[in-house]
Amino acid sequence: MTIEGGYDARLFGIALELKPETTDELPNTIVRNEYPYKDGAQLENTGQKARTVKCTAAFLNDEYDRHQDLIDALTQKETGEFEHPKYGVMIGYAENVSIRHDAGKRKAEIDFTFVEDLIGSTETVIVEYDVKAPAEASFLQGLNDAIAKFNKDYMEDIATLGGLTTKIQDYTSAVNSLVSGFEAGMNAVANPANTLLSTVTFLTDLPGRVIGSIANVVERYSEAYSALHNAPARFTSSLKTGLAELETATGKKTASPKTQAQELAYATVMNHLKIQSALRLGLETAYRFKEDQPGRNTIKRNEKLRAFDGLGNYKALDQADPVMNADDLEKALADARELLRAALETDRSMTSLKNLAESLLRHVNIVKLEREKIVAVEVLSEMPLHVLCLQRGLPYQAAERILLINNFKNPNAIKGTVNVYAA
């Protein structure tokens, strides 16, 4: 340290020694509302003005030659970091730079005012709703609810059969026949590893065998469509269709019950197949929403950055993975909620199904309310899509997202009705 009582700091990557005397300004913007024939004024605090820190950096003796590095750094047009000895890292610009130097004494002092870019730094912090955690919790609770429901259904069916041993045996035989069919279907697809269901151990009693076999075969159906994970809306639609085919195939086996016991057994198992199908589709939809979020965050972060540098050159930004647009989100949500609604018809008391539907709806609402409001505008004369973005108050990079919700032959000459995101 060559300055008595000085501070170590760093500005735009350049190590500095600051004089101990600094001046900070944190002024508020006060609006004065004054009225005729009334003394005084009504004040309204509309927030702080830009935070400024005035410092003096000194370069003495052997450090003298380094002052030119700081001068070069202060000419940059991009925001930079100022590692303040008291306030920590600040993001912003340097202004009002004043330089005093004496080459003979090898001494240079640079006064500068650093202005913090508070809005720019805070808006890049992305807070998202974690749809995966509540969906997994609802799924696991749904398995417990399903076992409890089967126990209840079983006791009601036995009571309907009058408790006769032969009818109970007929009922159990019909259930075991369907369970054997599910277990045989599980062998058609390899057992997926490291899944949520693989952490669950089902009991070997009748409820555990029934719910476990149905849950596992439904998971295998989901695994069969894993190649579509990169197309989330298509995945959820295909999985819904596949689960419907599973229900249809199972329904054909139960189409002609011969006894009252078989009829009750088939109806109970079909209801639980609906429940497990709804739980699986809801969970997989939540997984697709969660996987979609990093790409959405990258796009959001890119749209807050400048498209061009100070010399007018287009800046290369982080490449975002394709994300679900508003239509895709609505379609995936509708598919999941349709099965969840059908499952709730079998037992309105299953709160796990309601919670799973609520978590999916909350995610879609947050995304749509935050960024995905779509409006239709009329473009009367041909113009490039980027110009339309600027006219609508959207960032230059928003053109990539708008392309996904329109069918342009030539994005450089658009005309007519165009769907755009509201600014």
Foldseek 3Di string as FASTA:
>chain_A
DPAVPWDWKAWQRRIFTWHPDKDKDWAWDKDWADDPPDPGTDIDTPGTDWIKMKIKTKQADPRLVCVVVVVVSLPFPAWIWIQDPPPGIFIFHKDPWDKDADVVRSMIMIIIMTTGPVVLVVVLDDDADQLQVLLLVLLVLLLVVQLVVLVVLLVVLCVVVVVDPVLNVVLLVLLVVVLVVLVVLLVVADQDPPDSLVVDDFDPDSSSSLLNSLLSSLVRLLVVLVVCLLVLLVSLVVSLVSLVVVLVVLCVVLVDDPDPSNVSNSVSSSLSNLSSSLSVLLNSSSVSLNVQVVLVSQLSSVQSDAQAGPVGHGDDGDDGRDHDALVSLVSSLVSSVVSLVVSCVVPVPSVSSVSSNVSSVVNSVCCCVVWRAKDKDFFAFWAAQQVVCVVQVGGSSQSVVQCVVDDDPDNGTDGGIGIGIHD
